[in-house]
């Protein structure tokens, strides 16, 4: 299918319904200027002008669209073709307002923490399985991987690289689609290299963690056997 030939409404429906990489790439190409403009305008009202924060909010908007596409599809009912632009404006504005409301609420508390996009943290749905048990397993695995990615490297590009990793593995965007998103600052080859590098590190980490867990289980099993033999 040539997604470039679809109307804005049909393209949005294709993204929400099927989530094909090519559809999302075309969606980003068309709607990124609008989303970026809304993010910048609303963020400025909250007194935020940092390019890094603005880029994060743009990414968060796409991630929330992907994470909630099933519920959005059920509610999506454009009254006329161009109403999709108003829909995107409202959705983006809500993402930005929610971000700053949450941030200000945390600042009023005893401690302020900086978290990854809530939309990304709340993704528990597997693209490969509809089983709730499988989804829970993947959610636990994703949380483990994300904790590792948070602590494994401190560099100016660590946050960007982590977003690239999850855009690929959780959302399913291709390297070309990721390279086309605002704030990435890499070409397709650069995105591919980042994904490959982090994938190798994550694989090594999971392998080592599994080995430690296996040794711990064997140790506990051995202690249990020795205790049983002593009676």
N, C-alpha and C. Protein backbone atom coordinates (compact mmCIF):
# COMPACT_ATOMS: atom_id res chain seq x y z
N UNK A 1 0.84 -1.19 0.00
CA UNK A 1 0.00 0.00 0.00
C UNK A 1 0.88 1.25 0.00
N UNK A 2 0.49 2.24 -0.81
CA UNK A 2 1.22 3.50 -0.85
C UNK A 2 0.55 4.46 0.13
N UNK A 3 1.10 4.57 1.33
CA UNK A 3 0.47 5.40 2.35
C UNK A 3 0.52 6.88 2.01
N UNK A 4 1.45 7.26 1.14
CA UNK A 4 1.53 8.66 0.74
C UNK A 4 0.30 9.11 -0.04
N UNK A 5 -0.44 8.15 -0.60
CA UNK A 5 -1.63 8.46 -1.39
C UNK A 5 -2.89 8.56 -0.53
N UNK A 6 -2.81 8.15 0.74
CA UNK A 6 -3.99 8.16 1.60
C UNK A 6 -4.33 9.57 2.08
N UNK A 7 -5.61 9.79 2.33
CA UNK A 7 -6.04 11.05 2.93
C UNK A 7 -5.55 11.10 4.38
N UNK A 8 -5.50 12.29 4.99
CA UNK A 8 -5.06 12.39 6.38
C UNK A 8 -5.86 11.49 7.33
N UNK A 9 -7.18 11.42 7.12
CA UNK A 9 -8.02 10.59 7.98
C UNK A 9 -7.71 9.12 7.77
N UNK A 10 -7.63 8.69 6.51
CA UNK A 10 -7.36 7.28 6.22
C UNK A 10 -5.96 6.87 6.71
N UNK A 11 -5.01 7.78 6.59
CA UNK A 11 -3.67 7.48 7.08
C UNK A 11 -3.67 7.29 8.59
N UNK A 12 -4.37 8.16 9.29
CA UNK A 12 -4.46 8.04 10.74
C UNK A 12 -5.14 6.74 11.14
N UNK A 13 -6.21 6.39 10.45
CA UNK A 13 -6.90 5.14 10.72
C UNK A 13 -5.98 3.94 10.47
N UNK A 14 -5.18 4.02 9.42
CA UNK A 14 -4.25 2.93 9.12
C UNK A 14 -3.23 2.77 10.23
N UNK A 15 -2.74 3.89 10.77
CA UNK A 15 -1.77 3.83 11.88
C UNK A 15 -2.40 3.23 13.13
N UNK A 16 -3.61 3.68 13.45
CA UNK A 16 -4.27 3.21 14.65
C UNK A 16 -4.73 1.76 14.53
N UNK A 17 -5.11 1.38 13.32
CA UNK A 17 -5.66 0.04 13.14
C UNK A 17 -4.56 -1.01 12.99
N UNK A 18 -3.59 -0.76 12.13
CA UNK A 18 -2.60 -1.78 11.79
C UNK A 18 -1.22 -1.50 12.38
N UNK A 19 -0.88 -0.24 12.57
CA UNK A 19 0.41 0.11 13.15
C UNK A 19 1.61 -0.26 12.29
N UNK A 20 1.43 -0.28 10.96
CA UNK A 20 2.55 -0.61 10.08
C UNK A 20 3.63 0.46 10.15
N UNK A 21 4.89 0.01 10.07
CA UNK A 21 6.01 0.95 10.16
C UNK A 21 5.91 2.04 9.09
N UNK A 22 5.57 1.63 7.87
CA UNK A 22 5.52 2.59 6.77
C UNK A 22 4.42 3.63 6.99
N UNK A 23 3.31 3.18 7.59
CA UNK A 23 2.21 4.12 7.86
C UNK A 23 2.63 5.17 8.88
N UNK A 24 3.31 4.73 9.95
CA UNK A 24 3.77 5.67 10.96
C UNK A 24 4.82 6.63 10.39
N UNK A 25 5.67 6.13 9.52
CA UNK A 25 6.69 6.99 8.92
C UNK A 25 6.03 8.11 8.11
N UNK A 26 4.99 7.76 7.37
CA UNK A 26 4.27 8.77 6.59
C UNK A 26 3.50 9.72 7.51
N UNK A 27 2.94 9.18 8.59
CA UNK A 27 2.23 10.01 9.56
C UNK A 27 3.17 11.05 10.16
N UNK A 28 4.37 10.60 10.55
CA UNK A 28 5.36 11.52 11.12
C UNK A 28 5.76 12.58 10.10
N UNK A 29 5.95 12.16 8.86
CA UNK A 29 6.34 13.12 7.83
C UNK A 29 5.29 14.21 7.66
N UNK A 30 4.02 13.83 7.70
CA UNK A 30 2.95 14.80 7.48
C UNK A 30 2.64 15.66 8.70
N UNK A 31 2.57 15.01 9.86
CA UNK A 31 2.03 15.70 11.02
C UNK A 31 3.10 16.26 11.97
N UNK A 32 4.37 15.95 11.74
CA UNK A 32 5.39 16.42 12.66
C UNK A 32 5.45 17.95 12.76
N UNK A 33 5.34 18.69 11.66
CA UNK A 33 5.35 20.16 11.79
C UNK A 33 4.23 20.67 12.68
N UNK A 34 3.03 20.08 12.55
CA UNK A 34 1.89 20.50 13.37
C UNK A 34 2.11 20.15 14.84
N UNK A 35 2.53 18.91 15.09
CA UNK A 35 2.76 18.46 16.46
C UNK A 35 3.85 19.30 17.12
N UNK A 36 4.94 19.53 16.40
CA UNK A 36 6.04 20.32 16.95
C UNK A 36 5.58 21.75 17.28
N UNK A 37 4.77 22.33 16.41
CA UNK A 37 4.30 23.70 16.64
C UNK A 37 3.42 23.78 17.89
N UNK A 38 2.55 22.78 18.07
CA UNK A 38 1.68 22.76 19.25
C UNK A 38 2.50 22.56 20.52
N UNK A 39 3.46 21.64 20.47
CA UNK A 39 4.32 21.39 21.63
C UNK A 39 5.05 22.67 22.03
N UNK A 40 5.63 23.36 21.08
CA UNK A 40 6.39 24.58 21.37
C UNK A 40 5.48 25.65 21.96
N UNK A 41 4.30 25.82 21.37
CA UNK A 41 3.38 26.87 21.84
C UNK A 41 2.91 26.61 23.27
N UNK A 42 2.49 25.36 23.56
CA UNK A 42 1.97 25.06 24.89
C UNK A 42 3.09 25.06 25.92
N UNK A 43 4.26 24.52 25.55
CA UNK A 43 5.38 24.48 26.49
C UNK A 43 5.81 25.89 26.88
N UNK A 44 5.80 26.80 25.93
CA UNK A 44 6.18 28.18 26.24
C UNK A 44 5.21 28.81 27.24
N UNK A 45 3.94 28.44 27.16
CA UNK A 45 2.97 28.96 28.13
C UNK A 45 3.29 28.48 29.53
N UNK A 46 3.93 27.31 29.63
CA UNK A 46 4.36 26.79 30.92
C UNK A 46 5.75 27.28 31.30
N UNK A 47 6.34 28.13 30.44
CA UNK A 47 7.65 28.69 30.73
C UNK A 47 8.81 27.81 30.35
N UNK A 48 8.57 26.82 29.50
CA UNK A 48 9.62 25.88 29.10
C UNK A 48 10.03 26.12 27.65
N UNK A 49 11.33 26.33 27.43
CA UNK A 49 11.83 26.56 26.07
C UNK A 49 13.02 25.67 25.73
N UNK A 50 13.41 24.77 26.64
CA UNK A 50 14.57 23.91 26.40
C UNK A 50 14.35 23.02 25.18
N UNK A 51 15.25 23.06 24.19
CA UNK A 51 15.11 22.19 23.01
C UNK A 51 15.00 20.71 23.37
N UNK A 52 15.75 20.27 24.40
CA UNK A 52 15.71 18.87 24.81
C UNK A 52 14.32 18.50 25.33
N UNK A 53 13.74 19.36 26.16
CA UNK A 53 12.40 19.09 26.70
C UNK A 53 11.37 19.10 25.58
N UNK A 54 11.48 20.04 24.66
CA UNK A 54 10.54 20.11 23.54
C UNK A 54 10.63 18.85 22.68
N UNK A 55 11.84 18.41 22.41
CA UNK A 55 12.01 17.17 21.64
C UNK A 55 11.41 15.97 22.38
N UNK A 56 11.61 15.93 23.69
CA UNK A 56 11.05 14.83 24.49
C UNK A 56 9.53 14.83 24.42
N UNK A 57 8.92 15.99 24.45
CA UNK A 57 7.46 16.09 24.41
C UNK A 57 6.91 15.69 23.04
N UNK A 58 7.65 15.99 22.00
CA UNK A 58 7.24 15.55 20.66
C UNK A 58 7.29 14.03 20.59
N UNK A 59 8.38 13.45 21.10
CA UNK A 59 8.50 12.00 21.14
C UNK A 59 7.38 11.39 22.00
N UNK A 60 7.09 12.03 23.11
CA UNK A 60 6.06 11.52 24.01
C UNK A 60 4.70 11.49 23.33
N UNK A 61 4.43 12.48 22.50
CA UNK A 61 3.16 12.52 21.78
C UNK A 61 3.03 11.31 20.87
N UNK A 62 4.09 11.00 20.11
CA UNK A 62 4.04 9.83 19.22
C UNK A 62 3.92 8.53 20.02
N UNK A 63 4.65 8.45 21.11
CA UNK A 63 4.61 7.24 21.93
C UNK A 63 3.22 7.03 22.53
N UNK A 64 2.59 8.11 22.95
CA UNK A 64 1.24 8.00 23.52
C UNK A 64 0.24 7.62 22.44
N UNK A 65 0.39 8.15 21.25
CA UNK A 65 -0.47 7.76 20.13
C UNK A 65 -0.35 6.26 19.87
N UNK A 66 0.88 5.76 19.87
CA UNK A 66 1.10 4.33 19.62
C UNK A 66 0.58 3.48 20.77
N UNK A 67 0.86 3.92 21.99
CA UNK A 67 0.48 3.13 23.16
C UNK A 67 -1.02 3.03 23.33
N UNK A 68 -1.74 4.08 22.92
CA UNK A 68 -3.19 4.12 23.14
C UNK A 68 -3.98 3.94 21.85
N UNK A 69 -3.34 3.39 20.83
CA UNK A 69 -4.01 3.36 19.53
C UNK A 69 -5.29 2.54 19.52
N UNK A 70 -5.37 1.49 20.35
CA UNK A 70 -6.58 0.67 20.37
C UNK A 70 -7.77 1.48 20.90
N UNK A 71 -7.56 2.20 22.00
CA UNK A 71 -8.65 3.00 22.56
C UNK A 71 -8.95 4.21 21.69
N UNK A 72 -7.91 4.79 21.09
CA UNK A 72 -8.12 5.93 20.19
C UNK A 72 -8.94 5.52 18.97
N UNK A 73 -8.68 4.33 18.47
CA UNK A 73 -9.41 3.85 17.29
C UNK A 73 -10.90 3.71 17.60
N UNK A 74 -11.21 3.25 18.81
CA UNK A 74 -12.62 3.10 19.18
C UNK A 74 -13.33 4.45 19.26
N UNK A 75 -12.58 5.49 19.67
CA UNK A 75 -13.19 6.81 19.85
C UNK A 75 -13.07 7.71 18.63
N UNK A 76 -12.23 7.31 17.68
CA UNK A 76 -11.91 8.18 16.55
C UNK A 76 -13.09 8.26 15.58
N UNK A 77 -13.67 9.45 15.46
CA UNK A 77 -14.82 9.63 14.57
C UNK A 77 -14.80 11.06 14.02
N UNK A 78 -13.91 11.32 13.05
CA UNK A 78 -13.80 12.68 12.51
C UNK A 78 -15.08 13.11 11.81
N UNK A 79 -15.56 14.30 12.14
CA UNK A 79 -16.81 14.79 11.57
C UNK A 79 -16.65 15.15 10.09
N UNK A 80 -15.46 15.61 9.72
CA UNK A 80 -15.18 15.96 8.33
C UNK A 80 -13.68 15.79 8.11
N UNK A 81 -13.23 15.67 6.84
CA UNK A 81 -11.82 15.31 6.57
C UNK A 81 -10.78 16.13 7.31
N UNK A 82 -10.93 17.45 7.36
CA UNK A 82 -9.90 18.28 7.97
C UNK A 82 -9.98 18.32 9.49
N UNK A 83 -11.00 17.66 10.06
CA UNK A 83 -11.12 17.67 11.52
C UNK A 83 -9.99 16.89 12.18
N UNK A 84 -9.29 16.05 11.41
CA UNK A 84 -8.17 15.29 11.96
C UNK A 84 -7.09 16.23 12.48
N UNK A 85 -6.94 17.39 11.83
CA UNK A 85 -5.91 18.33 12.28
C UNK A 85 -6.27 18.90 13.66
N UNK A 86 -7.55 19.19 13.86
CA UNK A 86 -7.99 19.64 15.17
C UNK A 86 -7.84 18.56 16.22
N UNK A 87 -8.09 17.32 15.81
CA UNK A 87 -7.96 16.18 16.71
C UNK A 87 -6.51 16.04 17.17
N UNK A 88 -5.59 16.14 16.23
CA UNK A 88 -4.16 16.03 16.55
C UNK A 88 -3.72 17.19 17.44
N UNK A 89 -4.23 18.38 17.16
CA UNK A 89 -3.88 19.55 17.99
C UNK A 89 -4.31 19.34 19.43
N UNK A 90 -5.55 18.88 19.62
CA UNK A 90 -6.06 18.68 20.97
C UNK A 90 -5.30 17.57 21.69
N UNK A 91 -5.04 16.47 20.97
CA UNK A 91 -4.32 15.35 21.57
C UNK A 91 -2.93 15.79 22.02
N UNK A 92 -2.22 16.50 21.15
CA UNK A 92 -0.87 16.97 21.48
C UNK A 92 -0.89 17.94 22.65
N UNK A 93 -1.83 18.89 22.61
CA UNK A 93 -1.93 19.86 23.71
C UNK A 93 -2.18 19.16 25.04
N UNK A 94 -3.02 18.13 25.03
CA UNK A 94 -3.31 17.41 26.27
C UNK A 94 -2.07 16.70 26.80
N UNK A 95 -1.26 16.12 25.89
CA UNK A 95 -0.03 15.46 26.30
C UNK A 95 0.90 16.45 27.00
N UNK A 96 1.05 17.64 26.41
CA UNK A 96 1.95 18.65 26.97
C UNK A 96 1.43 19.17 28.30
N UNK A 97 0.14 19.49 28.36
CA UNK A 97 -0.44 19.98 29.61
C UNK A 97 -0.31 18.93 30.71
N UNK A 98 -0.60 17.67 30.39
CA UNK A 98 -0.49 16.60 31.38
C UNK A 98 0.93 16.47 31.91
N UNK A 99 1.89 16.62 31.00
CA UNK A 99 3.30 16.53 31.40
C UNK A 99 3.64 17.58 32.44
N UNK A 100 3.27 18.82 32.17
CA UNK A 100 3.65 19.90 33.08
C UNK A 100 2.81 19.89 34.36
N UNK A 101 1.56 19.47 34.28
CA UNK A 101 0.76 19.33 35.51
C UNK A 101 1.39 18.28 36.42
N UNK A 102 1.79 17.15 35.81
CA UNK A 102 2.43 16.10 36.59
C UNK A 102 3.75 16.58 37.19
N UNK A 103 4.52 17.31 36.40
CA UNK A 103 5.81 17.83 36.86
C UNK A 103 5.62 18.79 38.03
N UNK A 104 4.64 19.66 37.93
CA UNK A 104 4.41 20.62 39.00
C UNK A 104 3.87 19.93 40.25
N UNK A 105 3.08 18.89 40.08
CA UNK A 105 2.60 18.13 41.23
C UNK A 105 3.76 17.48 41.97
N UNK A 106 4.70 16.92 41.21
CA UNK A 106 5.87 16.28 41.83
C UNK A 106 6.73 17.31 42.55
N UNK A 107 6.84 18.51 41.97
CA UNK A 107 7.66 19.53 42.61
C UNK A 107 7.08 19.97 43.95
N UNK A 108 5.76 19.83 44.08
CA UNK A 108 5.14 20.21 45.35
C UNK A 108 5.34 19.14 46.41
N UNK A 109 5.81 17.96 46.00
CA UNK A 109 6.03 16.88 46.94
C UNK A 109 7.39 16.99 47.60
N UNK A 110 7.75 15.98 48.33
CA UNK A 110 9.02 16.00 49.07
C UNK A 110 10.20 15.76 48.16
N UNK A 111 9.97 15.12 47.04
CA UNK A 111 11.09 14.77 46.18
C UNK A 111 10.65 14.87 44.73
N UNK A 112 11.52 15.35 43.88
CA UNK A 112 11.23 15.46 42.46
C UNK A 112 12.04 14.42 41.72
N UNK A 113 11.39 13.63 40.90
CA UNK A 113 12.10 12.62 40.11
C UNK A 113 11.88 12.88 38.65
N UNK A 114 12.83 12.49 37.85
CA UNK A 114 12.73 12.64 36.41
C UNK A 114 12.54 11.27 35.79
N UNK A 115 11.41 11.08 35.11
CA UNK A 115 11.07 9.77 34.56
C UNK A 115 11.02 9.82 33.04
N UNK A 116 11.11 8.66 32.48
CA UNK A 116 10.91 8.52 31.05
C UNK A 116 9.45 8.77 30.76
N UNK A 117 9.12 9.04 29.50
CA UNK A 117 7.75 9.32 29.09
C UNK A 117 6.75 8.37 29.71
N UNK A 118 5.69 8.88 30.40
CA UNK A 118 4.67 7.99 30.96
C UNK A 118 4.03 7.10 29.90
N UNK A 119 3.88 7.64 28.68
CA UNK A 119 3.29 6.83 27.63
C UNK A 119 4.12 5.60 27.35
N UNK A 120 5.45 5.77 27.39
CA UNK A 120 6.33 4.64 27.12
C UNK A 120 6.34 3.67 28.28
N UNK A 121 6.33 4.21 29.52
CA UNK A 121 6.39 3.35 30.70
C UNK A 121 5.14 2.47 30.80
N UNK A 122 4.01 2.96 30.28
CA UNK A 122 2.75 2.25 30.46
C UNK A 122 2.44 1.27 29.34
N UNK A 123 3.33 1.16 28.35
CA UNK A 123 3.07 0.21 27.27
C UNK A 123 3.29 -1.21 27.79
N UNK A 124 2.24 -2.01 27.82
CA UNK A 124 2.36 -3.39 28.27
C UNK A 124 1.81 -4.35 27.24
N UNK A 125 1.38 -3.80 26.10
CA UNK A 125 0.74 -4.63 25.10
C UNK A 125 1.79 -5.16 24.12
N UNK A 126 1.82 -6.44 23.92
CA UNK A 126 2.77 -7.05 22.99
C UNK A 126 2.25 -6.98 21.57
N UNK A 127 3.12 -6.66 20.60
CA UNK A 127 2.70 -6.66 19.21
C UNK A 127 2.61 -8.07 18.68
N UNK A 128 3.27 -9.03 19.34
CA UNK A 128 3.34 -10.39 18.82
C UNK A 128 2.37 -11.34 19.49
N UNK A 129 1.70 -10.92 20.55
CA UNK A 129 0.82 -11.83 21.28
C UNK A 129 -0.28 -11.06 21.97
N UNK A 130 -1.49 -11.62 21.98
CA UNK A 130 -2.61 -10.98 22.66
C UNK A 130 -2.80 -11.56 24.06
N UNK A 131 -2.00 -12.53 24.44
CA UNK A 131 -2.12 -13.17 25.75
C UNK A 131 -1.78 -12.18 26.85
N UNK A 132 -2.68 -12.06 27.85
CA UNK A 132 -2.41 -11.14 28.95
C UNK A 132 -1.19 -11.58 29.74
N UNK A 133 -1.01 -12.90 29.90
CA UNK A 133 0.17 -13.40 30.62
C UNK A 133 1.44 -13.02 29.88
N UNK A 134 1.42 -13.17 28.56
CA UNK A 134 2.58 -12.80 27.75
C UNK A 134 2.84 -11.30 27.86
N UNK A 135 1.78 -10.50 27.87
CA UNK A 135 1.94 -9.05 27.99
C UNK A 135 2.58 -8.68 29.32
N UNK A 136 2.16 -9.36 30.39
CA UNK A 136 2.74 -9.08 31.70
C UNK A 136 4.22 -9.45 31.73
N UNK A 137 4.54 -10.60 31.14
CA UNK A 137 5.94 -11.02 31.07
C UNK A 137 6.78 -9.99 30.32
N UNK A 138 6.24 -9.51 29.19
CA UNK A 138 6.97 -8.52 28.40
C UNK A 138 7.11 -7.22 29.16
N UNK A 139 6.06 -6.84 29.89
CA UNK A 139 6.12 -5.60 30.67
C UNK A 139 7.23 -5.68 31.71
N UNK A 140 7.33 -6.83 32.39
CA UNK A 140 8.39 -7.03 33.38
C UNK A 140 9.76 -6.99 32.72
N UNK A 141 9.88 -7.66 31.56
CA UNK A 141 11.14 -7.68 30.84
C UNK A 141 11.53 -6.27 30.39
N UNK A 142 10.55 -5.52 29.84
CA UNK A 142 10.83 -4.16 29.38
C UNK A 142 11.29 -3.28 30.54
N UNK A 143 10.66 -3.46 31.70
CA UNK A 143 11.04 -2.67 32.87
C UNK A 143 12.47 -3.00 33.28
N UNK A 144 12.82 -4.28 33.24
CA UNK A 144 14.19 -4.70 33.58
C UNK A 144 15.19 -4.10 32.60
N UNK A 145 14.86 -4.16 31.32
CA UNK A 145 15.77 -3.61 30.31
C UNK A 145 15.90 -2.10 30.47
N UNK A 146 14.78 -1.42 30.74
CA UNK A 146 14.84 0.03 30.85
C UNK A 146 15.67 0.46 32.05
N UNK A 147 15.57 -0.28 33.15
CA UNK A 147 16.41 0.04 34.32
C UNK A 147 17.88 -0.10 33.96
N UNK A 148 18.19 -1.13 33.19
CA UNK A 148 19.58 -1.31 32.77
C UNK A 148 20.03 -0.17 31.87
N UNK A 149 19.18 0.22 30.91
CA UNK A 149 19.55 1.29 30.00
C UNK A 149 19.72 2.62 30.74
N UNK A 150 18.94 2.82 31.78
CA UNK A 150 19.06 4.05 32.57
C UNK A 150 20.41 4.13 33.29
N UNK A 151 20.88 2.99 33.78
CA UNK A 151 22.07 2.99 34.64
C UNK A 151 23.36 2.60 33.92
N UNK A 152 23.23 2.07 32.71
CA UNK A 152 24.40 1.47 32.06
C UNK A 152 25.36 2.51 31.50
N UNK A 153 24.86 3.66 31.14
CA UNK A 153 25.74 4.61 30.45
C UNK A 153 25.35 6.04 30.78
N UNK A 154 26.32 6.85 31.07
CA UNK A 154 26.10 8.28 31.28
C UNK A 154 26.83 9.03 30.18
N UNK A 155 26.07 9.58 29.26
CA UNK A 155 26.67 10.32 28.14
C UNK A 155 25.65 11.33 27.65
N UNK A 156 26.09 12.31 26.88
CA UNK A 156 25.16 13.34 26.37
C UNK A 156 24.05 12.75 25.50
N UNK A 157 24.27 11.58 24.91
CA UNK A 157 23.27 10.99 24.01
C UNK A 157 22.54 9.81 24.62
N UNK A 158 22.74 9.55 25.91
CA UNK A 158 22.15 8.36 26.53
C UNK A 158 20.63 8.37 26.45
N UNK A 159 20.00 9.51 26.76
CA UNK A 159 18.54 9.59 26.73
C UNK A 159 18.02 9.42 25.31
N UNK A 160 18.67 10.07 24.36
CA UNK A 160 18.26 9.93 22.96
C UNK A 160 18.39 8.49 22.49
N UNK A 161 19.50 7.84 22.85
CA UNK A 161 19.73 6.46 22.42
C UNK A 161 18.68 5.51 23.01
N UNK A 162 18.30 5.78 24.25
CA UNK A 162 17.28 4.93 24.88
C UNK A 162 15.93 5.10 24.18
N UNK A 163 15.60 6.33 23.80
CA UNK A 163 14.34 6.56 23.07
C UNK A 163 14.37 5.83 21.73
N UNK A 164 15.51 5.86 21.06
CA UNK A 164 15.64 5.16 19.78
C UNK A 164 15.40 3.66 19.98
N UNK A 165 16.01 3.11 21.02
CA UNK A 165 15.87 1.68 21.31
C UNK A 165 14.40 1.30 21.48
N UNK A 166 13.67 2.08 22.28
CA UNK A 166 12.28 1.74 22.55
C UNK A 166 11.36 2.06 21.39
N UNK A 167 11.64 3.11 20.63
CA UNK A 167 10.84 3.38 19.43
C UNK A 167 10.91 2.21 18.46
N UNK A 168 12.07 1.55 18.45
CA UNK A 168 12.24 0.39 17.57
C UNK A 168 11.59 -0.86 18.14
N UNK A 169 11.88 -1.18 19.41
CA UNK A 169 11.44 -2.47 19.96
C UNK A 169 10.03 -2.46 20.54
N UNK A 170 9.57 -1.34 21.08
CA UNK A 170 8.21 -1.30 21.63
C UNK A 170 7.20 -0.81 20.61
N UNK A 171 7.55 0.23 19.89
CA UNK A 171 6.61 0.80 18.93
C UNK A 171 6.72 0.13 17.58
N UNK A 172 7.92 -0.35 17.25
CA UNK A 172 8.11 -1.07 16.00
C UNK A 172 8.50 -0.21 14.82
N UNK A 173 8.96 1.02 15.08
CA UNK A 173 9.37 1.89 13.97
C UNK A 173 10.68 1.41 13.36
N UNK A 174 10.79 1.58 12.07
CA UNK A 174 12.02 1.22 11.38
C UNK A 174 13.09 2.29 11.66
N UNK A 175 14.32 1.96 11.31
CA UNK A 175 15.41 2.92 11.50
C UNK A 175 15.17 4.19 10.69
N UNK A 176 14.62 4.03 9.48
CA UNK A 176 14.35 5.19 8.64
C UNK A 176 13.28 6.08 9.26
N UNK A 177 12.23 5.45 9.82
CA UNK A 177 11.16 6.22 10.44
C UNK A 177 11.66 6.96 11.67
N UNK A 178 12.51 6.30 12.45
CA UNK A 178 13.07 6.94 13.65
C UNK A 178 13.96 8.11 13.26
N UNK A 179 14.77 7.91 12.22
CA UNK A 179 15.66 8.98 11.77
C UNK A 179 14.88 10.20 11.30
N UNK A 180 13.63 9.99 10.86
CA UNK A 180 12.82 11.08 10.35
C UNK A 180 12.12 11.87 11.46
N UNK A 181 12.13 11.36 12.69
CA UNK A 181 11.46 12.05 13.78
C UNK A 181 12.30 13.20 14.29
N UNK A 182 11.60 14.19 14.82
CA UNK A 182 12.30 15.38 15.31
C UNK A 182 13.14 15.05 16.53
N UNK A 183 14.31 15.68 16.59
CA UNK A 183 15.14 15.55 17.78
C UNK A 183 16.11 14.40 17.78
N UNK A 184 16.01 13.49 16.83
CA UNK A 184 16.92 12.34 16.81
C UNK A 184 18.31 12.76 16.36
N UNK A 185 18.38 13.52 15.29
CA UNK A 185 19.67 14.05 14.85
C UNK A 185 20.61 13.02 14.26
N UNK A 186 20.08 11.88 13.80
CA UNK A 186 20.89 10.85 13.17
C UNK A 186 20.27 10.44 11.85
N UNK A 187 21.12 9.98 10.93
CA UNK A 187 20.56 9.40 9.70
C UNK A 187 20.21 7.94 9.97
N UNK A 188 19.69 7.27 8.94
CA UNK A 188 19.24 5.89 9.11
C UNK A 188 20.37 4.98 9.59
N UNK A 189 21.56 5.14 9.01
CA UNK A 189 22.70 4.32 9.42
C UNK A 189 23.06 4.56 10.88
N UNK A 190 23.00 5.82 11.29
CA UNK A 190 23.31 6.15 12.68
C UNK A 190 22.31 5.52 13.64
N UNK A 191 21.03 5.52 13.26
CA UNK A 191 20.00 4.88 14.10
C UNK A 191 20.23 3.38 14.16
N UNK A 192 20.53 2.77 13.02
CA UNK A 192 20.79 1.33 12.98
C UNK A 192 21.96 0.97 13.88
N UNK A 193 23.01 1.78 13.83
CA UNK A 193 24.19 1.53 14.66
C UNK A 193 23.85 1.63 16.15
N UNK A 194 23.03 2.63 16.50
CA UNK A 194 22.63 2.80 17.90
C UNK A 194 21.83 1.60 18.38
N UNK A 195 20.87 1.15 17.57
CA UNK A 195 20.04 0.00 17.94
C UNK A 195 20.90 -1.25 18.11
N UNK A 196 21.81 -1.46 17.18
CA UNK A 196 22.68 -2.64 17.25
C UNK A 196 23.55 -2.61 18.50
N UNK A 197 24.13 -1.44 18.79
CA UNK A 197 25.00 -1.31 19.96
C UNK A 197 24.24 -1.59 21.25
N UNK A 198 23.07 -0.99 21.40
CA UNK A 198 22.30 -1.19 22.62
C UNK A 198 21.75 -2.61 22.71
N UNK A 199 21.38 -3.18 21.56
CA UNK A 199 20.87 -4.56 21.56
C UNK A 199 21.93 -5.52 22.07
N UNK A 200 23.16 -5.34 21.64
CA UNK A 200 24.25 -6.19 22.10
C UNK A 200 24.47 -6.04 23.60
N UNK A 201 24.41 -4.81 24.09
CA UNK A 201 24.62 -4.58 25.52
C UNK A 201 23.48 -5.18 26.34
N UNK A 202 22.25 -5.01 25.85
CA UNK A 202 21.11 -5.57 26.57
C UNK A 202 21.17 -7.09 26.57
N UNK A 203 21.52 -7.67 25.44
CA UNK A 203 21.61 -9.14 25.35
C UNK A 203 22.65 -9.67 26.34
N UNK A 204 23.80 -9.01 26.41
CA UNK A 204 24.84 -9.43 27.34
C UNK A 204 24.37 -9.30 28.79
N UNK A 205 23.67 -8.21 29.07
CA UNK A 205 23.16 -7.99 30.43
C UNK A 205 22.15 -9.07 30.81
N UNK A 206 21.21 -9.39 29.90
CA UNK A 206 20.19 -10.39 30.21
C UNK A 206 20.80 -11.78 30.36
N UNK A 207 21.81 -12.06 29.54
CA UNK A 207 22.49 -13.36 29.65
C UNK A 207 23.18 -13.49 31.00
N UNK A 208 23.87 -12.43 31.41
CA UNK A 208 24.56 -12.44 32.71
C UNK A 208 23.56 -12.54 33.86
N UNK A 209 22.44 -11.81 33.75
CA UNK A 209 21.43 -11.84 34.80
C UNK A 209 20.81 -13.23 34.92
N UNK A 210 20.57 -13.87 33.77
CA UNK A 210 20.01 -15.22 33.79
C UNK A 210 20.97 -16.21 34.43
N UNK A 211 22.27 -16.03 34.18
CA UNK A 211 23.28 -16.91 34.77
C UNK A 211 23.33 -16.75 36.28
N UNK A 212 23.26 -15.50 36.75
CA UNK A 212 23.26 -15.24 38.19
C UNK A 212 22.03 -15.86 38.84
N UNK A 213 20.89 -15.71 38.19
CA UNK A 213 19.65 -16.27 38.74
C UNK A 213 19.72 -17.79 38.78
N UNK A 214 20.28 -18.40 37.73
CA UNK A 214 20.41 -19.86 37.70
C UNK A 214 21.30 -20.35 38.83
N UNK A 215 22.41 -19.67 39.05
CA UNK A 215 23.32 -20.05 40.14
C UNK A 215 22.64 -19.92 41.49
N UNK A 216 21.85 -18.86 41.65
CA UNK A 216 21.15 -18.66 42.92
C UNK A 216 20.12 -19.77 43.14
N UNK A 217 19.42 -20.16 42.10
CA UNK A 217 18.44 -21.24 42.21
C UNK A 217 19.11 -22.56 42.55
N UNK A 218 20.26 -22.81 41.89
CA UNK A 218 20.99 -24.04 42.18
C UNK A 218 21.49 -24.06 43.62
N UNK A 219 21.92 -22.89 44.09
CA UNK A 219 22.42 -22.80 45.46
C UNK A 219 21.30 -23.07 46.45
N UNK A 220 20.13 -22.45 46.22
CA UNK A 220 19.00 -22.67 47.12
C UNK A 220 18.53 -24.12 47.06
N UNK A 221 18.57 -24.70 45.86
CA UNK A 221 18.16 -26.10 45.71
C UNK A 221 19.11 -27.01 46.47
N UNK A 222 20.43 -26.73 46.40
CA UNK A 222 21.41 -27.53 47.10
C UNK A 222 21.25 -27.43 48.62
N UNK A 223 20.96 -26.22 49.10
CA UNK A 223 20.75 -26.05 50.53
C UNK A 223 19.51 -26.81 51.01
N UNK A 224 18.46 -26.78 50.16
CA UNK A 224 17.26 -27.52 50.52
C UNK A 224 17.50 -29.01 50.58
N UNK A 225 18.29 -29.51 49.64
CA UNK A 225 18.58 -30.96 49.62
C UNK A 225 19.41 -31.36 50.84
N UNK A 226 20.40 -30.52 51.19
CA UNK A 226 21.22 -30.83 52.35
C UNK A 226 20.40 -30.78 53.64
N UNK A 227 19.47 -29.84 53.70
CA UNK A 227 18.61 -29.76 54.89
C UNK A 227 17.73 -31.00 54.99
N UNK A 228 17.22 -31.45 53.85
CA UNK A 228 16.36 -32.65 53.86
C UNK A 228 17.16 -33.89 54.25
N UNK A 229 18.41 -33.98 53.79
CA UNK A 229 19.24 -35.15 54.09
C UNK A 229 19.63 -35.21 55.57
N UNK A 230 19.61 -34.03 56.23
CA UNK A 230 20.04 -34.00 57.62
C UNK A 230 18.99 -34.55 58.58
N UNK A 231 17.74 -34.65 58.08
CA UNK A 231 16.68 -35.20 58.95
C UNK A 231 16.63 -36.71 58.88
